[in-house]
């Protein structure tokens, strides 16, 4: 089932184009990351699909249209730092959120347990750390048991412990079968939380797919020798070497299967080539992101 379908979305602010012909498809159960540098159009996109910002062109549809204009009731969102009453505790603040959302019997206790705030449920909001405040905001977005959760930069400004706690909460929400749409410029967060990713820059979609598809499965090894031409000629003939690239005076080997560093070293030695450099490179979303965005600069 399609949860969110975006077709040709465009938004301009005067001479600035924030989003240009953006097309995305989010299916039920995905943890979908919208990844891009600051100013790439992530927040604008979320604002449009939530009905906060009007687009200049294009269209979008939630839930294949099955809820009509009532789709917003099935979505929980955290777009910026939420406003809670500082002198009220977590339970009281969530009760107010439930009243605003017209939820008659909110399940507040399970929500506070999920975000690890139950032990501090009676503490005033003003006594919370930034991480605790953000986790309460996630609980607020969950009030009413929405099918989809939208988060814009959910770990922004948090310390490492706060980031880890929020990340774990998002993983638990995904494990409940919820669909998550998360915009972030933090590569590590998208890689660890999301199953699917769309990379955008200057409002344009550069790549989209599963995180596993965006991140190549190839093993990558960086090698060097005094005679790189002979080394490259030798390695290009190896059946497990899919591709050889030159980079910063070294050769990058893209291998179809995992091969030990000692095997590569022995192969070169047997052909009279002494390696001066040998390093296994772990490909990550970061390297793919930088490669994709640099091509579009």
C-alpha atoms as a PDB file:
ATOM      1  CA  UNK A   1       0.000   0.000   0.000  1.00  0.00           C
ATOM      2  CA  UNK A   2       1.238   3.464  -0.879  1.00  0.00           C
ATOM      3  CA  UNK A   3       1.342   5.644   2.227  1.00  0.00           C
ATOM      4  CA  UNK A   4       2.563   8.799   0.491  1.00  0.00           C
ATOM      5  CA  UNK A   5       2.832   9.476  -3.237  1.00  0.00           C
ATOM      6  CA  UNK A   6       4.535  12.699  -4.351  1.00  0.00           C
ATOM      7  CA  UNK A   7       4.440  13.624  -8.042  1.00  0.00           C
ATOM      8  CA  UNK A   8       6.368  16.540  -9.567  1.00  0.00           C
ATOM      9  CA  UNK A   9       6.282  18.719  -6.455  1.00  0.00           C
ATOM     10  CA  UNK A  10       7.725  22.217  -6.973  1.00  0.00           C
ATOM     11  CA  UNK A  11       7.995  25.133  -4.545  1.00  0.00           C
ATOM     12  CA  UNK A  12       9.510  28.545  -5.269  1.00  0.00           C
ATOM     13  CA  UNK A  13      10.214  31.466  -2.973  1.00  0.00           C
ATOM     14  CA  UNK A  14      10.661  34.332  -5.393  1.00  0.00           C
ATOM     15  CA  UNK A  15      13.716  33.501  -7.507  1.00  0.00           C
ATOM     16  CA  UNK A  16      14.709  30.626  -5.213  1.00  0.00           C
ATOM     17  CA  UNK A  17      13.486  27.137  -6.098  1.00  0.00           C
ATOM     18  CA  UNK A  18      13.261  25.144  -2.846  1.00  0.00           C
ATOM     19  CA  UNK A  19      11.892  21.976  -4.512  1.00  0.00           C
ATOM     20  CA  UNK A  20      12.001  21.135  -8.217  1.00  0.00           C
ATOM     21  CA  UNK A  21       9.792  18.414  -9.727  1.00  0.00           C
ATOM     22  CA  UNK A  22      10.239  16.114  -6.726  1.00  0.00           C
ATOM     23  CA  UNK A  23       8.729  12.633  -7.074  1.00  0.00           C
ATOM     24  CA  UNK A  24       8.796  10.112  -4.210  1.00  0.00           C
ATOM     25  CA  UNK A  25       6.887   6.994  -3.163  1.00  0.00           C
ATOM     26  CA  UNK A  26       6.660   5.817   0.463  1.00  0.00           C
ATOM     27  CA  UNK A  27       5.174   2.365   1.046  1.00  0.00           C
ATOM     28  CA  UNK A  28       3.542   1.041   4.205  1.00  0.00           C
ATOM     29  CA  UNK A  29       6.014  -0.092   6.882  1.00  0.00           C
ATOM     30  CA  UNK A  30       9.011   1.766   5.460  1.00  0.00           C
ATOM     31  CA  UNK A  31      11.422   3.766   7.584  1.00  0.00           C
ATOM     32  CA  UNK A  32      12.015   6.374   4.909  1.00  0.00           C
ATOM     33  CA  UNK A  33      14.842   8.863   5.240  1.00  0.00           C
ATOM     34  CA  UNK A  34      14.954  12.110   3.281  1.00  0.00           C
ATOM     35  CA  UNK A  35      18.656  12.909   3.338  1.00  0.00           C
ATOM     36  CA  UNK A  36      20.282  16.120   2.211  1.00  0.00           C
ATOM     37  CA  UNK A  37      22.410  19.077   3.268  1.00  0.00           C
ATOM     38  CA  UNK A  38      20.836  21.984   5.129  1.00  0.00           C
ATOM     39  CA  UNK A  39      18.772  24.036   2.691  1.00  0.00           C
ATOM     40  CA  UNK A  40      18.137  21.129   0.332  1.00  0.00           C
ATOM     41  CA  UNK A  41      14.336  21.302   0.620  1.00  0.00           C
ATOM     42  CA  UNK A  42      13.650  18.594   3.218  1.00  0.00           C
ATOM     43  CA  UNK A  43      11.592  20.700   5.628  1.00  0.00           C
ATOM     44  CA  UNK A  44       9.743  22.404   2.777  1.00  0.00           C
ATOM     45  CA  UNK A  45       8.742  18.992   1.416  1.00  0.00           C
ATOM     46  CA  UNK A  46       7.395  17.871   4.786  1.00  0.00           C
ATOM     47  CA  UNK A  47       5.585  21.182   5.247  1.00  0.00           C
ATOM     48  CA  UNK A  48       3.817  20.745   1.916  1.00  0.00           C
ATOM     49  CA  UNK A  49       2.667  17.151   2.486  1.00  0.00           C
ATOM     50  CA  UNK A  50       1.385  18.154   5.930  1.00  0.00           C
ATOM     51  CA  UNK A  51      -0.652  21.002   4.449  1.00  0.00           C
ATOM     52  CA  UNK A  52       1.363  23.754   6.138  1.00  0.00           C
ATOM     53  CA  UNK A  53       2.973  25.107   2.943  1.00  0.00           C
ATOM     54  CA  UNK A  54       1.374  25.465  -0.484  1.00  0.00           C
ATOM     55  CA  UNK A  55       3.270  24.182  -3.517  1.00  0.00           C
ATOM     56  CA  UNK A  56       3.542  25.938  -6.874  1.00  0.00           C
ATOM     57  CA  UNK A  57       3.164  22.744  -8.897  1.00  0.00           C
ATOM     58  CA  UNK A  58       2.785  19.001  -8.527  1.00  0.00           C
ATOM     59  CA  UNK A  59       0.592  16.942  -6.248  1.00  0.00           C
ATOM     60  CA  UNK A  60       0.677  14.439  -3.421  1.00  0.00           C
ATOM     61  CA  UNK A  61      -1.685  11.862  -1.982  1.00  0.00           C
ATOM     62  CA  UNK A  62      -1.818  10.123   1.403  1.00  0.00           C
ATOM     63  CA  UNK A  63      -2.981   6.519   1.934  1.00  0.00           C
ATOM     64  CA  UNK A  64      -4.086   6.074  -1.711  1.00  0.00           C
ATOM     65  CA  UNK A  65      -6.852   8.544  -0.922  1.00  0.00           C
ATOM     66  CA  UNK A  66      -8.748   6.147   1.334  1.00  0.00           C
ATOM     67  CA  UNK A  67      -9.203   8.715   4.141  1.00  0.00           C
ATOM     68  CA  UNK A  68     -10.054  11.648   1.881  1.00  0.00           C
ATOM     69  CA  UNK A  69      -9.521  14.980   3.617  1.00  0.00           C
ATOM     70  CA  UNK A  70      -9.319  13.210   6.983  1.00  0.00           C
ATOM     71  CA  UNK A  71      -5.857  11.761   6.352  1.00  0.00           C
ATOM     72  CA  UNK A  72      -4.222  14.188   8.811  1.00  0.00           C
ATOM     73  CA  UNK A  73      -5.779  12.311  11.753  1.00  0.00           C
ATOM     74  CA  UNK A  74      -3.676   9.265  10.845  1.00  0.00           C
ATOM     75  CA  UNK A  75      -0.371  11.156  10.884  1.00  0.00           C
ATOM     76  CA  UNK A  76       1.786  12.184  13.833  1.00  0.00           C
ATOM     77  CA  UNK A  77       4.441  14.816  13.202  1.00  0.00           C
ATOM     78  CA  UNK A  78       7.357  16.486  14.922  1.00  0.00           C
ATOM     79  CA  UNK A  79       8.617  19.307  12.705  1.00  0.00           C
ATOM     80  CA  UNK A  80      10.386  21.565  15.168  1.00  0.00           C
ATOM     81  CA  UNK A  81      10.998  21.838  18.909  1.00  0.00           C
ATOM     82  CA  UNK A  82       7.489  21.461  20.364  1.00  0.00           C
ATOM     83  CA  UNK A  83       5.956  23.814  22.878  1.00  0.00           C
ATOM     84  CA  UNK A  84       5.118  22.165  26.189  1.00  0.00           C
ATOM     85  CA  UNK A  85       4.011  23.850  29.388  1.00  0.00           C
ATOM     86  CA  UNK A  86       7.210  24.065  31.485  1.00  0.00           C
ATOM     87  CA  UNK A  87       5.528  23.760  34.888  1.00  0.00           C
ATOM     88  CA  UNK A  88       3.356  20.798  33.924  1.00  0.00           C
ATOM     89  CA  UNK A  89       4.636  17.233  34.017  1.00  0.00           C
ATOM     90  CA  UNK A  90       4.783  14.716  31.169  1.00  0.00           C
ATOM     91  CA  UNK A  91       1.356  13.195  31.850  1.00  0.00           C
ATOM     92  CA  UNK A  92      -0.352  16.590  32.046  1.00  0.00           C
ATOM     93  CA  UNK A  93       1.303  17.818  28.850  1.00  0.00           C
ATOM     94  CA  UNK A  94       0.313  14.691  26.931  1.00  0.00           C
ATOM     95  CA  UNK A  95      -3.261  14.993  28.228  1.00  0.00           C
ATOM     96  CA  UNK A  96      -3.388  18.473  26.719  1.00  0.00           C
ATOM     97  CA  UNK A  97      -2.067  17.126  23.419  1.00  0.00           C
ATOM     98  CA  UNK A  98      -4.744  14.425  23.490  1.00  0.00           C
ATOM     99  CA  UNK A  99      -7.420  17.068  24.126  1.00  0.00           C
ATOM    100  CA  UNK A 100      -6.200  19.119  21.154  1.00  0.00           C
ATOM    101  CA  UNK A 101      -6.240  16.006  18.955  1.00  0.00           C
ATOM    102  CA  UNK A 102      -9.699  15.084  20.329  1.00  0.00           C
ATOM    103  CA  UNK A 103      -8.478  11.693  21.570  1.00  0.00           C
ATOM    104  CA  UNK A 104     -10.936  10.543  24.236  1.00  0.00           C
ATOM    105  CA  UNK A 105      -8.857   7.811  25.927  1.00  0.00           C
ATOM    106  CA  UNK A 106      -5.152   8.387  25.229  1.00  0.00           C
ATOM    107  CA  UNK A 107      -2.829   5.535  26.235  1.00  0.00           C
ATOM    108  CA  UNK A 108      -0.319   7.793  27.981  1.00  0.00           C
ATOM    109  CA  UNK A 109       1.396   5.235  30.234  1.00  0.00           C
ATOM    110  CA  UNK A 110       2.565   2.944  27.377  1.00  0.00           C
ATOM    111  CA  UNK A 111       3.809   5.985  25.460  1.00  0.00           C
ATOM    112  CA  UNK A 112       5.895   7.208  28.375  1.00  0.00           C
ATOM    113  CA  UNK A 113       7.267   3.702  28.871  1.00  0.00           C
ATOM    114  CA  UNK A 114       8.178   3.508  25.195  1.00  0.00           C
ATOM    115  CA  UNK A 115      10.185   6.757  25.305  1.00  0.00           C
ATOM    116  CA  UNK A 116      11.723   5.819  28.668  1.00  0.00           C
ATOM    117  CA  UNK A 117      10.127   8.684  30.597  1.00  0.00           C
ATOM    118  CA  UNK A 118       7.712   6.798  32.834  1.00  0.00           C
ATOM    119  CA  UNK A 119       9.944   7.150  35.899  1.00  0.00           C
ATOM    120  CA  UNK A 120       9.980  10.924  35.362  1.00  0.00           C
ATOM    121  CA  UNK A 121       6.309  11.245  34.461  1.00  0.00           C
ATOM    122  CA  UNK A 122       5.539  13.520  37.438  1.00  0.00           C
ATOM    123  CA  UNK A 123       8.559  15.802  36.969  1.00  0.00           C
ATOM    124  CA  UNK A 124       7.937  19.279  35.526  1.00  0.00           C
ATOM    125  CA  UNK A 125       8.894  19.603  31.863  1.00  0.00           C
ATOM    126  CA  UNK A 126      11.382  22.378  32.709  1.00  0.00           C
ATOM    127  CA  UNK A 127      13.531  19.870  34.620  1.00  0.00           C
ATOM    128  CA  UNK A 128      14.020  17.659  31.551  1.00  0.00           C
ATOM    129  CA  UNK A 129      17.244  17.418  29.569  1.00  0.00           C
ATOM    130  CA  UNK A 130      17.140  18.175  25.825  1.00  0.00           C
ATOM    131  CA  UNK A 131      17.038  14.471  25.048  1.00  0.00           C
ATOM    132  CA  UNK A 132      14.137  13.912  27.439  1.00  0.00           C
ATOM    133  CA  UNK A 133      12.242  16.843  25.923  1.00  0.00           C
ATOM    134  CA  UNK A 134      12.717  15.406  22.457  1.00  0.00           C
ATOM    135  CA  UNK A 135      11.541  11.971  23.581  1.00  0.00           C
ATOM    136  CA  UNK A 136       8.428  13.532  25.104  1.00  0.00           C
ATOM    137  CA  UNK A 137       7.845  15.244  21.753  1.00  0.00           C
ATOM    138  CA  UNK A 138       8.012  11.845  20.070  1.00  0.00           C
ATOM    139  CA  UNK A 139       5.454  10.540  22.566  1.00  0.00           C
ATOM    140  CA  UNK A 140       3.244  13.542  21.748  1.00  0.00           C
ATOM    141  CA  UNK A 141       3.424  12.684  18.046  1.00  0.00           C
ATOM    142  CA  UNK A 142       2.349   9.121  18.935  1.00  0.00           C
ATOM    143  CA  UNK A 143      -0.781  10.221  20.807  1.00  0.00           C
ATOM    144  CA  UNK A 144      -3.769   8.751  19.015  1.00  0.00           C
ATOM    145  CA  UNK A 145      -1.786   5.826  17.574  1.00  0.00           C
ATOM    146  CA  UNK A 146      -1.183   7.301  14.087  1.00  0.00           C
ATOM    147  CA  UNK A 147      -0.177   5.064  11.192  1.00  0.00           C
ATOM    148  CA  UNK A 148       2.609   7.396  10.052  1.00  0.00           C
ATOM    149  CA  UNK A 149       5.198   9.332  12.056  1.00  0.00           C
ATOM    150  CA  UNK A 150       7.038  12.279  10.511  1.00  0.00           C
ATOM    151  CA  UNK A 151      10.207  13.622  12.109  1.00  0.00           C
ATOM    152  CA  UNK A 152      12.262  16.585  10.934  1.00  0.00           C
ATOM    153  CA  UNK A 153      15.857  16.439  12.237  1.00  0.00           C
ATOM    154  CA  UNK A 154      14.807  14.523  15.391  1.00  0.00           C
ATOM    155  CA  UNK A 155      18.328  14.457  16.913  1.00  0.00           C
ATOM    156  CA  UNK A 156      19.277  18.054  16.148  1.00  0.00           C
ATOM    157  CA  UNK A 157      21.167  19.689  19.025  1.00  0.00           C
ATOM    158  CA  UNK A 158      21.331  16.559  21.182  1.00  0.00           C
ATOM    159  CA  UNK A 159      24.441  15.192  22.853  1.00  0.00           C
ATOM    160  CA  UNK A 160      25.655  11.672  21.965  1.00  0.00           C
ATOM    161  CA  UNK A 161      23.594  10.053  24.718  1.00  0.00           C
ATOM    162  CA  UNK A 162      20.464  11.923  23.645  1.00  0.00           C
ATOM    163  CA  UNK A 163      21.052  10.935  20.023  1.00  0.00           C
ATOM    164  CA  UNK A 164      21.403   7.268  20.985  1.00  0.00           C
ATOM    165  CA  UNK A 165      18.203   7.373  23.056  1.00  0.00           C
ATOM    166  CA  UNK A 166      16.159   9.020  20.303  1.00  0.00           C
ATOM    167  CA  UNK A 167      17.580   6.612  17.730  1.00  0.00           C
ATOM    168  CA  UNK A 168      16.559   3.634  19.852  1.00  0.00           C
ATOM    169  CA  UNK A 169      13.051   5.074  20.264  1.00  0.00           C
ATOM    170  CA  UNK A 170      12.681   5.490  16.497  1.00  0.00           C
ATOM    171  CA  UNK A 171      13.804   1.903  15.946  1.00  0.00           C
ATOM    172  CA  UNK A 172      11.191   0.684  18.440  1.00  0.00           C
ATOM    173  CA  UNK A 173       8.480   2.658  16.658  1.00  0.00           C
ATOM    174  CA  UNK A 174       9.521   1.137  13.336  1.00  0.00           C
ATOM    175  CA  UNK A 175       9.434  -2.292  14.983  1.00  0.00           C
ATOM    176  CA  UNK A 176       5.761  -1.698  15.814  1.00  0.00           C
ATOM    177  CA  UNK A 177       4.992  -1.661  12.098  1.00  0.00           C
ATOM    178  CA  UNK A 178       4.587   2.098  11.861  1.00  0.00           C
ATOM    179  CA  UNK A 179       5.688   3.975   8.764  1.00  0.00           C
ATOM    180  CA  UNK A 180       8.364   6.549   9.561  1.00  0.00           C
ATOM    181  CA  UNK A 181       9.364   9.475   7.380  1.00  0.00           C
ATOM    182  CA  UNK A 182      12.455  11.212   8.719  1.00  0.00           C
ATOM    183  CA  UNK A 183      14.274  14.199   7.256  1.00  0.00           C
ATOM    184  CA  UNK A 184      17.884  14.588   8.303  1.00  0.00           C
ATOM    185  CA  UNK A 185      21.252  15.920   7.214  1.00  0.00           C
ATOM    186  CA  UNK A 186      22.985  13.473   9.566  1.00  0.00           C
ATOM    187  CA  UNK A 187      24.149  10.560   7.436  1.00  0.00           C
ATOM    188  CA  UNK A 188      24.813   8.220  10.334  1.00  0.00           C
ATOM    189  CA  UNK A 189      21.279   8.588  11.688  1.00  0.00           C
ATOM    190  CA  UNK A 190      19.626   7.780   8.370  1.00  0.00           C
ATOM    191  CA  UNK A 191      21.883   4.772   7.847  1.00  0.00           C
ATOM    192  CA  UNK A 192      21.132   3.365  11.310  1.00  0.00           C
ATOM    193  CA  UNK A 193      17.385   4.059  11.451  1.00  0.00           C
ATOM    194  CA  UNK A 194      16.021   3.924   7.913  1.00  0.00           C
ATOM    195  CA  UNK A 195      15.313   1.050   5.534  1.00  0.00           C
ATOM    196  CA  UNK A 196      14.903   3.358   2.527  1.00  0.00           C
ATOM    197  CA  UNK A 197      16.458   6.681   1.615  1.00  0.00           C
ATOM    198  CA  UNK A 198      16.024   9.531  -0.845  1.00  0.00           C
ATOM    199  CA  UNK A 199      18.998  11.832  -1.359  1.00  0.00           C
ATOM    200  CA  UNK A 200      18.134  15.387  -2.372  1.00  0.00           C
ATOM    201  CA  UNK A 201      20.204  18.487  -3.030  1.00  0.00           C
ATOM    202  CA  UNK A 202      18.993  21.956  -4.021  1.00  0.00           C
ATOM    203  CA  UNK A 203      15.460  20.575  -4.113  1.00  0.00           C
ATOM    204  CA  UNK A 204      16.276  17.885  -6.679  1.00  0.00           C
ATOM    205  CA  UNK A 205      16.089  14.137  -6.155  1.00  0.00           C
ATOM    206  CA  UNK A 206      19.517  12.607  -6.831  1.00  0.00           C
ATOM    207  CA  UNK A 207      18.956   8.985  -5.767  1.00  0.00           C
ATOM    208  CA  UNK A 208      16.363   6.852  -4.035  1.00  0.00           C
ATOM    209  CA  UNK A 209      16.034   3.209  -2.990  1.00  0.00           C
ATOM    210  CA  UNK A 210      16.765   0.881  -0.125  1.00  0.00           C
ATOM    211  CA  UNK A 211      19.748   1.803   2.009  1.00  0.00           C
ATOM    212  CA  UNK A 212      21.277  -1.501   0.885  1.00  0.00           C
ATOM    213  CA  UNK A 213      20.862  -0.514  -2.776  1.00  0.00           C
ATOM    214  CA  UNK A 214      22.304   2.949  -2.317  1.00  0.00           C
ATOM    215  CA  UNK A 215      25.218   1.460  -0.420  1.00  0.00           C
ATOM    216  CA  UNK A 216      27.090  -0.847  -2.776  1.00  0.00           C
ATOM    217  CA  UNK A 217      27.585  -4.413  -1.567  1.00  0.00           C
ATOM    218  CA  UNK A 218      31.050  -4.438  -3.108  1.00  0.00           C
ATOM    219  CA  UNK A 219      34.050  -4.886  -0.870  1.00  0.00           C
ATOM    220  CA  UNK A 220      36.407  -1.986  -1.564  1.00  0.00           C
ATOM    221  CA  UNK A 221      40.184  -2.213  -1.125  1.00  0.00           C
ATOM    222  CA  UNK A 222      42.632   0.652  -1.598  1.00  0.00           C
ATOM    223  CA  UNK A 223      46.082  -0.369  -2.870  1.00  0.00           C
ATOM    224  CA  UNK A 224      49.239   1.371  -4.022  1.00  0.00           C
ATOM    225  CA  UNK A 225      52.601   0.479  -5.577  1.00  0.00           C
ATOM    226  CA  UNK A 226      55.614   2.176  -7.158  1.00  0.00           C
ATOM    227  CA  UNK A 227      54.321   0.977 -10.538  1.00  0.00           C
ATOM    228  CA  UNK A 228      50.558   1.619 -10.360  1.00  0.00           C
ATOM    229  CA  UNK A 229      50.061   0.982 -14.093  1.00  0.00           C
ATOM    230  CA  UNK A 230      51.342  -2.600 -13.859  1.00  0.00           C
ATOM    231  CA  UNK A 231      49.393  -3.159 -10.642  1.00  0.00           C
ATOM    232  CA  UNK A 232      46.183  -1.902 -12.260  1.00  0.00           C
ATOM    233  CA  UNK A 233      46.716  -4.085 -15.340  1.00  0.00           C
ATOM    234  CA  UNK A 234      47.206  -7.145 -13.113  1.00  0.00           C
ATOM    235  CA  UNK A 235      44.204  -6.522 -10.899  1.00  0.00           C
ATOM    236  CA  UNK A 236      41.795  -5.708 -13.741  1.00  0.00           C
ATOM    237  CA  UNK A 237      42.298  -9.278 -15.009  1.00  0.00           C
ATOM    238  CA  UNK A 238      41.276 -10.839 -11.673  1.00  0.00           C
ATOM    239  CA  UNK A 239      37.804 -12.457 -11.884  1.00  0.00           C
ATOM    240  CA  UNK A 240      36.676 -11.032  -8.518  1.00  0.00           C
ATOM    241  CA  UNK A 241      37.617  -7.456  -9.394  1.00  0.00           C
ATOM    242  CA  UNK A 242      34.552  -5.719 -10.812  1.00  0.00           C
ATOM    243  CA  UNK A 243      36.070  -2.270 -11.222  1.00  0.00           C
ATOM    244  CA  UNK A 244      39.330  -0.387 -10.650  1.00  0.00           C
ATOM    245  CA  UNK A 245      39.430   3.356 -10.017  1.00  0.00           C
ATOM    246  CA  UNK A 246      42.340   5.726  -9.499  1.00  0.00           C
ATOM    247  CA  UNK A 247      42.094   8.020  -6.497  1.00  0.00           C
ATOM    248  CA  UNK A 248      44.753  10.211  -4.871  1.00  0.00           C
ATOM    249  CA  UNK A 249      47.605   8.171  -6.344  1.00  0.00           C
ATOM    250  CA  UNK A 250      46.105   4.859  -5.219  1.00  0.00           C
ATOM    251  CA  UNK A 251      43.841   2.284  -6.845  1.00  0.00           C
ATOM    252  CA  UNK A 252      40.366   1.482  -5.513  1.00  0.00           C
ATOM    253  CA  UNK A 253      39.371  -2.130  -6.133  1.00  0.00           C
ATOM    254  CA  UNK A 254      35.650  -2.983  -6.161  1.00  0.00           C
ATOM    255  CA  UNK A 255      35.472  -6.703  -5.386  1.00  0.00           C
ATOM    256  CA  UNK A 256      32.458  -8.938  -6.030  1.00  0.00           C
ATOM    257  CA  UNK A 257      33.265 -11.061  -2.990  1.00  0.00           C
ATOM    258  CA  UNK A 258      35.206 -10.555   0.203  1.00  0.00           C
ATOM    259  CA  UNK A 259      38.901 -11.197  -0.341  1.00  0.00           C
ATOM    260  CA  UNK A 260      41.503 -11.073   2.425  1.00  0.00           C
ATOM    261  CA  UNK A 261      44.168  -8.373   2.311  1.00  0.00           C
ATOM    262  CA  UNK A 262      46.857 -11.082   2.452  1.00  0.00           C
ATOM    263  CA  UNK A 263      45.461 -12.684  -0.734  1.00  0.00           C
ATOM    264  CA  UNK A 264      45.766  -9.398  -2.625  1.00  0.00           C
ATOM    265  CA  UNK A 265      49.258  -8.799  -1.242  1.00  0.00           C
ATOM    266  CA  UNK A 266      50.354 -12.333  -2.243  1.00  0.00           C
ATOM    267  CA  UNK A 267      48.907 -11.942  -5.760  1.00  0.00           C
ATOM    268  CA  UNK A 268      50.903  -8.760  -6.330  1.00  0.00           C
ATOM    269  CA  UNK A 269      54.087 -10.270  -4.859  1.00  0.00           C
ATOM    270  CA  UNK A 270      53.858 -13.353  -7.072  1.00  0.00           C
ATOM    271  CA  UNK A 271      53.853 -11.058 -10.106  1.00  0.00           C
ATOM    272  CA  UNK A 272      56.869  -9.077  -8.906  1.00  0.00           C
ATOM    273  CA  UNK A 273      54.940  -6.096  -7.557  1.00  0.00           C
ATOM    274  CA  UNK A 274      55.550  -4.876  -4.004  1.00  0.00           C
ATOM    275  CA  UNK A 275      52.557  -3.085  -2.500  1.00  0.00           C
ATOM    276  CA  UNK A 276      53.335   0.207  -0.770  1.00  0.00           C
ATOM    277  CA  UNK A 277      49.768   0.695   0.431  1.00  0.00           C
ATOM    278  CA  UNK A 278      46.897  -1.663   1.301  1.00  0.00           C
ATOM    279  CA  UNK A 279      43.707  -0.703   3.122  1.00  0.00           C
ATOM    280  CA  UNK A 280      40.207  -2.162   3.292  1.00  0.00           C
ATOM    281  CA  UNK A 281      37.645   0.596   2.831  1.00  0.00           C
ATOM    282  CA  UNK A 282      34.206   0.300   4.440  1.00  0.00           C
ATOM    283  CA  UNK A 283      31.641   1.757   2.106  1.00  0.00           C
ATOM    284  CA  UNK A 284      28.944   3.693   3.929  1.00  0.00           C
ATOM    285  CA  UNK A 285      26.019   5.944   3.169  1.00  0.00           C
ATOM    286  CA  UNK A 286      28.388   8.847   3.787  1.00  0.00           C
ATOM    287  CA  UNK A 287      30.732   7.915   0.942  1.00  0.00           C
ATOM    288  CA  UNK A 288      27.791   7.249  -1.379  1.00  0.00           C
ATOM    289  CA  UNK A 289      26.134  10.522  -0.348  1.00  0.00           C
ATOM    290  CA  UNK A 290      29.292  12.532  -0.976  1.00  0.00           C
ATOM    291  CA  UNK A 291      29.867  10.803  -4.307  1.00  0.00           C
ATOM    292  CA  UNK A 292      26.300  11.414  -5.478  1.00  0.00           C
ATOM    293  CA  UNK A 293      26.104  15.040  -4.352  1.00  0.00           C
ATOM    294  CA  UNK A 294      29.555  15.920  -5.716  1.00  0.00           C
ATOM    295  CA  UNK A 295      28.490  14.705  -9.147  1.00  0.00           C
ATOM    296  CA  UNK A 296      25.578  17.123  -9.026  1.00  0.00           C
ATOM    297  CA  UNK A 297      27.511  20.179  -7.816  1.00  0.00           C
END
